[in-house]
Amino acid sequence: MNKTKAVVFDMDGVIFDTQKRYNACFREMGKRYGISDGKMEELILKTMGVNETESYQVVEELLGGTVSGKEFVTGMLDLFKAGVESEGLPLKPGVKELLSWLTEHGFLVGLASATDYERIVKYLTRAGLKQYFSFITGGDRVEHGKPAPDIYLQACENMGADPKETYGVEDSFQGIRAVYNAGMHVVMVPDSLEPTQEIENLLDFRFETLFGFLDYLKGAEPALSEEN
């Protein structure tokens, strides 16, 4: 039986260079609410890879219930969306080259992001990337967000891919944990954060850019088609 050739990507910080913009929007909201820089950096770290609804809870827990989590996160997202409308979304280096190669070589390609599904589709369509993905799911399509494995298992199931033979590509710590918990091959392409020792221990692969992952796959591709 041939091994499945499949890859599931996170979106923010992996496909699009969005995390820096999210961080800036969070910091702007922090200024509006008079929250200390140190507390905001902690908040940014704890919300990376977390879906919108769960972010409400993170905000309220971290800020001691002094701020409405929904109001804070909604305000941040409004700032983010305004920036997208005026400036667009830059792609991470190697995205188009990697997606094109995967498609040409018969890989199943999915996307599993904490971002809401409708926004994912909008961003991918605008960037001309939607056609590369055979299955797309968002944080609003699963009961338990990252680091639970639900979103990655959902993607694998709908793609017809065995999680044990599927690469999951992430940049956030919560995302890395989700891929690991799903039993997939864990690929990290760091964005805003360098991995801690805990995260390093979960990784199967680490590449500085998607070009590095592409180079690896080009070398490994013949072996992926060999029988177990």
C-alpha atoms as a PDB file:
ATOM      1  CA  MET A   1       0.000   0.000   0.000  1.00  0.00           C
ATOM      2  CA  ASN A   2       1.400   3.378  -0.976  1.00  0.00           C
ATOM      3  CA  LYS A   3       1.928   6.029   1.627  1.00  0.00           C
ATOM      4  CA  THR A   4      -0.425   8.974   1.430  1.00  0.00           C
ATOM      5  CA  LYS A   5       1.142  12.145   0.128  1.00  0.00           C
ATOM      6  CA  ALA A   6      -0.657  14.887   2.017  1.00  0.00           C
ATOM      7  CA  VAL A   7       0.075  18.244   3.634  1.00  0.00           C
ATOM      8  CA  VAL A   8      -2.186  20.373   5.837  1.00  0.00           C
ATOM      9  CA  PHE A   9      -1.201  24.001   6.361  1.00  0.00           C
ATOM     10  CA  ASP A  10      -2.021  26.550   8.996  1.00  0.00           C
ATOM     11  CA  MET A  11      -2.766  29.950   7.434  1.00  0.00           C
ATOM     12  CA  ASP A  12      -1.684  32.931   9.567  1.00  0.00           C
ATOM     13  CA  GLY A  13       2.092  33.093   9.775  1.00  0.00           C
ATOM     14  CA  VAL A  14       2.490  30.155   7.365  1.00  0.00           C
ATOM     15  CA  ILE A  15       0.631  31.083   4.166  1.00  0.00           C
ATOM     16  CA  PHE A  16       0.176  34.787   4.863  1.00  0.00           C
ATOM     17  CA  ASP A  17       2.576  37.091   6.690  1.00  0.00           C
ATOM     18  CA  THR A  18      -0.226  38.175   9.017  1.00  0.00           C
ATOM     19  CA  GLN A  19       1.028  37.548  12.534  1.00  0.00           C
ATOM     20  CA  LYS A  20       2.979  40.807  12.721  1.00  0.00           C
ATOM     21  CA  ARG A  21      -0.169  42.713  11.739  1.00  0.00           C
ATOM     22  CA  TYR A  22      -2.240  40.854  14.341  1.00  0.00           C
ATOM     23  CA  ASN A  23       0.391  41.702  16.946  1.00  0.00           C
ATOM     24  CA  ALA A  24       0.333  45.392  16.001  1.00  0.00           C
ATOM     25  CA  CYS A  25      -3.475  45.459  16.215  1.00  0.00           C
ATOM     26  CA  PHE A  26      -3.395  43.803  19.627  1.00  0.00           C
ATOM     27  CA  ARG A  27      -0.882  46.389  20.844  1.00  0.00           C
ATOM     28  CA  GLU A  28      -3.059  49.220  19.548  1.00  0.00           C
ATOM     29  CA  MET A  29      -6.012  47.821  21.478  1.00  0.00           C
ATOM     30  CA  GLY A  30      -3.790  47.551  24.542  1.00  0.00           C
ATOM     31  CA  LYS A  31      -2.990  51.256  24.303  1.00  0.00           C
ATOM     32  CA  ARG A  32      -6.678  52.113  24.020  1.00  0.00           C
ATOM     33  CA  TYR A  33      -7.457  50.133  27.165  1.00  0.00           C
ATOM     34  CA  GLY A  34      -4.374  51.260  29.091  1.00  0.00           C
ATOM     35  CA  ILE A  35      -2.910  47.760  29.347  1.00  0.00           C
ATOM     36  CA  SER A  36       0.804  47.448  30.105  1.00  0.00           C
ATOM     37  CA  ASP A  37       3.220  46.420  27.359  1.00  0.00           C
ATOM     38  CA  GLY A  38       4.283  43.353  29.322  1.00  0.00           C
ATOM     39  CA  LYS A  39       0.716  42.157  29.758  1.00  0.00           C
ATOM     40  CA  MET A  40       0.008  42.704  26.058  1.00  0.00           C
ATOM     41  CA  GLU A  41       3.018  40.637  25.005  1.00  0.00           C
ATOM     42  CA  GLU A  42       1.770  37.817  27.219  1.00  0.00           C
ATOM     43  CA  LEU A  43      -1.687  38.149  25.686  1.00  0.00           C
ATOM     44  CA  ILE A  44      -0.302  38.041  22.147  1.00  0.00           C
ATOM     45  CA  LEU A  45       1.658  34.883  22.947  1.00  0.00           C
ATOM     46  CA  LYS A  46      -1.318  33.103  24.499  1.00  0.00           C
ATOM     47  CA  THR A  47      -3.711  33.920  21.650  1.00  0.00           C
ATOM     48  CA  MET A  48      -1.431  32.791  18.802  1.00  0.00           C
ATOM     49  CA  GLY A  49      -3.100  29.896  17.008  1.00  0.00           C
ATOM     50  CA  VAL A  50      -6.269  30.215  19.114  1.00  0.00           C
ATOM     51  CA  ASN A  51      -9.676  30.701  17.487  1.00  0.00           C
ATOM     52  CA  GLU A  52     -11.730  33.861  17.954  1.00  0.00           C
ATOM     53  CA  THR A  53     -14.178  32.528  20.539  1.00  0.00           C
ATOM     54  CA  GLU A  54     -11.478  30.993  22.717  1.00  0.00           C
ATOM     55  CA  SER A  55      -9.508  34.250  22.471  1.00  0.00           C
ATOM     56  CA  TYR A  56     -12.343  35.990  24.331  1.00  0.00           C
ATOM     57  CA  GLN A  57     -11.724  33.720  27.303  1.00  0.00           C
ATOM     58  CA  VAL A  58      -7.939  34.167  27.148  1.00  0.00           C
ATOM     59  CA  VAL A  59      -8.343  37.957  27.260  1.00  0.00           C
ATOM     60  CA  GLU A  60     -10.722  37.891  30.213  1.00  0.00           C
ATOM     61  CA  GLU A  61      -8.629  35.410  32.185  1.00  0.00           C
ATOM     62  CA  LEU A  62      -5.379  37.280  31.599  1.00  0.00           C
ATOM     63  CA  LEU A  63      -6.833  40.720  32.281  1.00  0.00           C
ATOM     64  CA  GLY A  64      -8.759  39.599  35.332  1.00  0.00           C
ATOM     65  CA  GLY A  65     -12.195  40.188  33.864  1.00  0.00           C
ATOM     66  CA  THR A  66     -11.634  43.958  33.707  1.00  0.00           C
ATOM     67  CA  VAL A  67     -12.150  43.950  29.929  1.00  0.00           C
ATOM     68  CA  SER A  68     -14.813  42.254  27.810  1.00  0.00           C
ATOM     69  CA  GLY A  69     -12.955  39.603  25.847  1.00  0.00           C
ATOM     70  CA  LYS A  70     -15.416  39.761  22.967  1.00  0.00           C
ATOM     71  CA  GLU A  71     -15.239  43.553  22.780  1.00  0.00           C
ATOM     72  CA  PHE A  72     -11.438  43.541  22.892  1.00  0.00           C
ATOM     73  CA  VAL A  73     -10.932  40.815  20.273  1.00  0.00           C
ATOM     74  CA  THR A  74     -13.647  42.207  17.992  1.00  0.00           C
ATOM     75  CA  GLY A  75     -11.968  45.616  18.119  1.00  0.00           C
ATOM     76  CA  MET A  76      -8.624  44.047  17.267  1.00  0.00           C
ATOM     77  CA  LEU A  77     -10.134  42.166  14.323  1.00  0.00           C
ATOM     78  CA  ASP A  78     -11.798  45.341  13.035  1.00  0.00           C
ATOM     79  CA  LEU A  79      -8.372  47.002  12.958  1.00  0.00           C
ATOM     80  CA  PHE A  80      -6.913  43.955  11.227  1.00  0.00           C
ATOM     81  CA  LYS A  81      -9.644  43.793   8.585  1.00  0.00           C
ATOM     82  CA  ALA A  82      -9.268  47.510   7.845  1.00  0.00           C
ATOM     83  CA  GLY A  83      -5.564  46.948   7.238  1.00  0.00           C
ATOM     84  CA  VAL A  84      -6.272  44.028   4.924  1.00  0.00           C
ATOM     85  CA  GLU A  85      -8.727  46.093   2.886  1.00  0.00           C
ATOM     86  CA  SER A  86      -6.270  48.959   2.475  1.00  0.00           C
ATOM     87  CA  GLU A  87      -2.982  47.067   2.136  1.00  0.00           C
ATOM     88  CA  GLY A  88      -3.804  43.448   1.267  1.00  0.00           C
ATOM     89  CA  LEU A  89      -2.105  40.363   2.709  1.00  0.00           C
ATOM     90  CA  PRO A  90       1.547  39.621   1.901  1.00  0.00           C
ATOM     91  CA  LEU A  91       2.440  35.997   1.229  1.00  0.00           C
ATOM     92  CA  LYS A  92       5.176  34.185   3.096  1.00  0.00           C
ATOM     93  CA  PRO A  93       8.238  33.354   0.966  1.00  0.00           C
ATOM     94  CA  GLY A  94       7.863  30.159  -1.051  1.00  0.00           C
ATOM     95  CA  VAL A  95       4.082  29.776  -0.737  1.00  0.00           C
ATOM     96  CA  LYS A  96       3.204  29.732  -4.431  1.00  0.00           C
ATOM     97  CA  GLU A  97       6.218  27.655  -5.385  1.00  0.00           C
ATOM     98  CA  LEU A  98       5.444  25.027  -2.731  1.00  0.00           C
ATOM     99  CA  LEU A  99       1.713  24.835  -3.464  1.00  0.00           C
ATOM    100  CA  SER A 100       2.356  24.551  -7.201  1.00  0.00           C
ATOM    101  CA  TRP A 101       4.879  21.756  -6.697  1.00  0.00           C
ATOM    102  CA  LEU A 102       2.595  19.832  -4.336  1.00  0.00           C
ATOM    103  CA  THR A 103      -0.261  20.038  -6.830  1.00  0.00           C
ATOM    104  CA  GLU A 104       1.920  18.964  -9.742  1.00  0.00           C
ATOM    105  CA  HIS A 105       3.178  15.952  -7.784  1.00  0.00           C
ATOM    106  CA  GLY A 106      -0.207  14.649  -6.713  1.00  0.00           C
ATOM    107  CA  PHE A 107      -0.215  15.653  -3.059  1.00  0.00           C
ATOM    108  CA  LEU A 108      -3.450  16.173  -1.182  1.00  0.00           C
ATOM    109  CA  VAL A 109      -3.342  19.718   0.210  1.00  0.00           C
ATOM    110  CA  GLY A 110      -5.530  21.046   3.014  1.00  0.00           C
ATOM    111  CA  LEU A 111      -5.752  24.097   5.233  1.00  0.00           C
ATOM    112  CA  ALA A 112      -6.685  24.134   8.929  1.00  0.00           C
ATOM    113  CA  SER A 113      -6.669  27.591  10.498  1.00  0.00           C
ATOM    114  CA  ALA A 114      -8.003  29.034  13.741  1.00  0.00           C
ATOM    115  CA  THR A 115      -9.410  31.884  11.632  1.00  0.00           C
ATOM    116  CA  ASP A 116     -13.126  31.723  10.790  1.00  0.00           C
ATOM    117  CA  TYR A 117     -13.910  29.771   7.618  1.00  0.00           C
ATOM    118  CA  GLU A 118     -15.501  32.620   5.644  1.00  0.00           C
ATOM    119  CA  ARG A 119     -12.513  34.873   6.240  1.00  0.00           C
ATOM    120  CA  ILE A 120     -10.114  32.099   5.206  1.00  0.00           C
ATOM    121  CA  VAL A 121     -11.923  31.605   1.899  1.00  0.00           C
ATOM    122  CA  LYS A 122     -12.002  35.350   1.279  1.00  0.00           C
ATOM    123  CA  TYR A 123      -8.265  35.741   1.862  1.00  0.00           C
ATOM    124  CA  LEU A 124      -7.280  32.688  -0.189  1.00  0.00           C
ATOM    125  CA  THR A 125      -9.524  33.733  -3.067  1.00  0.00           C
ATOM    126  CA  ARG A 126      -8.147  37.257  -3.069  1.00  0.00           C
ATOM    127  CA  ALA A 127      -4.599  35.878  -3.170  1.00  0.00           C
ATOM    128  CA  GLY A 128      -5.401  33.416  -5.974  1.00  0.00           C
ATOM    129  CA  LEU A 129      -4.582  30.394  -3.803  1.00  0.00           C
ATOM    130  CA  LYS A 130      -7.928  28.748  -3.076  1.00  0.00           C
ATOM    131  CA  GLN A 131      -7.693  26.317  -5.991  1.00  0.00           C
ATOM    132  CA  TYR A 132      -4.671  24.595  -4.455  1.00  0.00           C
ATOM    133  CA  PHE A 133      -6.612  23.270  -1.454  1.00  0.00           C
ATOM    134  CA  SER A 134      -8.825  20.190  -1.630  1.00  0.00           C
ATOM    135  CA  PHE A 135     -10.222  20.878   1.845  1.00  0.00           C
ATOM    136  CA  ILE A 136     -10.383  24.029   3.974  1.00  0.00           C
ATOM    137  CA  THR A 137     -11.579  24.328   7.555  1.00  0.00           C
ATOM    138  CA  GLY A 138     -11.606  27.080  10.163  1.00  0.00           C
ATOM    139  CA  GLY A 139     -11.729  27.534  13.891  1.00  0.00           C
ATOM    140  CA  ASP A 140     -15.496  27.994  13.779  1.00  0.00           C
ATOM    141  CA  ARG A 141     -15.930  24.539  12.190  1.00  0.00           C
ATOM    142  CA  VAL A 142     -14.686  22.469  15.156  1.00  0.00           C
ATOM    143  CA  GLU A 143     -15.798  22.179  18.767  1.00  0.00           C
ATOM    144  CA  HIS A 144     -12.317  22.257  20.261  1.00  0.00           C
ATOM    145  CA  GLY A 145      -9.660  24.607  18.892  1.00  0.00           C
ATOM    146  CA  LYS A 146      -5.896  24.178  18.836  1.00  0.00           C
ATOM    147  CA  PRO A 147      -4.021  22.646  20.696  1.00  0.00           C
ATOM    148  CA  ALA A 148      -6.748  19.986  20.465  1.00  0.00           C
ATOM    149  CA  PRO A 149      -6.210  17.861  17.340  1.00  0.00           C
ATOM    150  CA  ASP A 150      -9.808  18.233  16.095  1.00  0.00           C
ATOM    151  CA  ILE A 151      -9.173  20.654  13.241  1.00  0.00           C
ATOM    152  CA  TYR A 152      -6.294  18.616  11.797  1.00  0.00           C
ATOM    153  CA  LEU A 153      -8.124  15.322  12.168  1.00  0.00           C
ATOM    154  CA  GLN A 154     -11.134  16.870  10.424  1.00  0.00           C
ATOM    155  CA  ALA A 155      -8.918  17.961   7.543  1.00  0.00           C
ATOM    156  CA  CYS A 156      -7.281  14.542   7.195  1.00  0.00           C
ATOM    157  CA  GLU A 157     -10.618  12.732   7.304  1.00  0.00           C
ATOM    158  CA  ASN A 158     -12.151  14.936   4.624  1.00  0.00           C
ATOM    159  CA  MET A 159      -9.059  14.671   2.430  1.00  0.00           C
ATOM    160  CA  GLY A 160      -8.957  10.896   2.779  1.00  0.00           C
ATOM    161  CA  ALA A 161      -5.476  11.118   4.280  1.00  0.00           C
ATOM    162  CA  ASP A 162      -3.930   9.049   7.060  1.00  0.00           C
ATOM    163  CA  PRO A 163      -2.752  11.479   9.792  1.00  0.00           C
ATOM    164  CA  LYS A 164       0.330   9.309  10.387  1.00  0.00           C
ATOM    165  CA  GLU A 165       1.382   9.927   6.781  1.00  0.00           C
ATOM    166  CA  THR A 166       0.451  13.613   6.611  1.00  0.00           C
ATOM    167  CA  TYR A 167       2.589  16.690   7.213  1.00  0.00           C
ATOM    168  CA  GLY A 168       1.113  19.471   9.341  1.00  0.00           C
ATOM    169  CA  VAL A 169       2.805  22.842   8.782  1.00  0.00           C
ATOM    170  CA  GLU A 170       2.615  25.362  11.621  1.00  0.00           C
ATOM    171  CA  ASP A 171       4.309  28.376  13.162  1.00  0.00           C
ATOM    172  CA  SER A 172       2.511  28.833  16.508  1.00  0.00           C
ATOM    173  CA  PHE A 173       3.053  26.791  19.644  1.00  0.00           C
ATOM    174  CA  GLN A 174      -0.644  25.927  19.954  1.00  0.00           C
ATOM    175  CA  GLY A 175      -0.666  24.838  16.327  1.00  0.00           C
ATOM    176  CA  ILE A 176       2.425  22.671  16.793  1.00  0.00           C
ATOM    177  CA  ARG A 177       0.758  20.962  19.739  1.00  0.00           C
ATOM    178  CA  ALA A 178      -2.382  20.362  17.664  1.00  0.00           C
ATOM    179  CA  VAL A 179      -0.438  18.708  14.832  1.00  0.00           C
ATOM    180  CA  TYR A 180       1.463  16.559  17.323  1.00  0.00           C
ATOM    181  CA  ASN A 181      -1.736  15.577  19.130  1.00  0.00           C
ATOM    182  CA  ALA A 182      -3.236  14.534  15.783  1.00  0.00           C
ATOM    183  CA  GLY A 183      -0.378  12.068  15.273  1.00  0.00           C
ATOM    184  CA  MET A 184       0.889  13.821  12.144  1.00  0.00           C
ATOM    185  CA  HIS A 185       4.405  14.705  10.996  1.00  0.00           C
ATOM    186  CA  VAL A 186       5.083  18.034  12.717  1.00  0.00           C
ATOM    187  CA  VAL A 187       6.659  20.704  10.512  1.00  0.00           C
ATOM    188  CA  MET A 188       7.526  24.096  11.976  1.00  0.00           C
ATOM    189  CA  VAL A 189       8.358  27.174   9.941  1.00  0.00           C
ATOM    190  CA  PRO A 190       8.942  29.782  12.676  1.00  0.00           C
ATOM    191  CA  ASP A 191       7.397  33.208  12.257  1.00  0.00           C
ATOM    192  CA  SER A 192       7.154  35.441  15.334  1.00  0.00           C
ATOM    193  CA  LEU A 193       8.434  32.862  17.819  1.00  0.00           C
ATOM    194  CA  GLU A 194      11.453  30.622  18.021  1.00  0.00           C
ATOM    195  CA  PRO A 195      10.595  27.207  19.493  1.00  0.00           C
ATOM    196  CA  THR A 196      11.098  26.504  23.174  1.00  0.00           C
ATOM    197  CA  GLN A 197      12.668  23.218  24.252  1.00  0.00           C
ATOM    198  CA  GLU A 198       9.182  21.787  24.785  1.00  0.00           C
ATOM    199  CA  ILE A 199       8.206  22.665  21.219  1.00  0.00           C
ATOM    200  CA  GLU A 200      11.521  21.437  19.791  1.00  0.00           C
ATOM    201  CA  ASN A 201      10.775  18.049  21.316  1.00  0.00           C
ATOM    202  CA  LEU A 202       7.503  17.840  19.367  1.00  0.00           C
ATOM    203  CA  LEU A 203       8.992  18.650  15.964  1.00  0.00           C
ATOM    204  CA  ASP A 204       9.823  16.229  13.187  1.00  0.00           C
ATOM    205  CA  PHE A 205      11.085  18.989  10.905  1.00  0.00           C
ATOM    206  CA  ARG A 206      12.006  22.639  11.177  1.00  0.00           C
ATOM    207  CA  PHE A 207      12.645  24.910   8.200  1.00  0.00           C
ATOM    208  CA  GLU A 208      13.392  28.620   8.187  1.00  0.00           C
ATOM    209  CA  THR A 209      11.132  29.185   5.162  1.00  0.00           C
ATOM    210  CA  LEU A 210       8.721  27.188   3.018  1.00  0.00           C
ATOM    211  CA  PHE A 211      11.480  26.992   0.428  1.00  0.00           C
ATOM    212  CA  GLY A 212      13.334  24.743   2.872  1.00  0.00           C
ATOM    213  CA  PHE A 213      10.324  22.446   3.169  1.00  0.00           C
ATOM    214  CA  LEU A 214      10.027  22.385  -0.625  1.00  0.00           C
ATOM    215  CA  ASP A 215      13.685  21.416  -1.003  1.00  0.00           C
ATOM    216  CA  TYR A 216      13.196  18.605   1.520  1.00  0.00           C
ATOM    217  CA  LEU A 217      10.117  17.280  -0.290  1.00  0.00           C
ATOM    218  CA  LYS A 218      11.882  17.333  -3.639  1.00  0.00           C
ATOM    219  CA  GLY A 219      14.527  15.056  -2.174  1.00  0.00           C
ATOM    220  CA  ALA A 220      12.095  12.850  -0.253  1.00  0.00           C
ATOM    221  CA  GLU A 221       9.346  12.573  -2.879  1.00  0.00           C
ATOM    222  CA  PRO A 222      10.521   9.289  -4.462  1.00  0.00           C
ATOM    223  CA  ALA A 223      10.534   7.589  -1.039  1.00  0.00           C
ATOM    224  CA  LEU A 224       7.018   8.799  -0.266  1.00  0.00           C
ATOM    225  CA  SER A 225       5.660   6.590  -3.032  1.00  0.00           C
ATOM    226  CA  GLU A 226       7.432   3.433  -1.869  1.00  0.00           C
ATOM    227  CA  GLU A 227       5.446   0.647  -0.263  1.00  0.00           C
ATOM    228  CA  ASN A 228       5.443   0.429   3.554  1.00  0.00           C
END
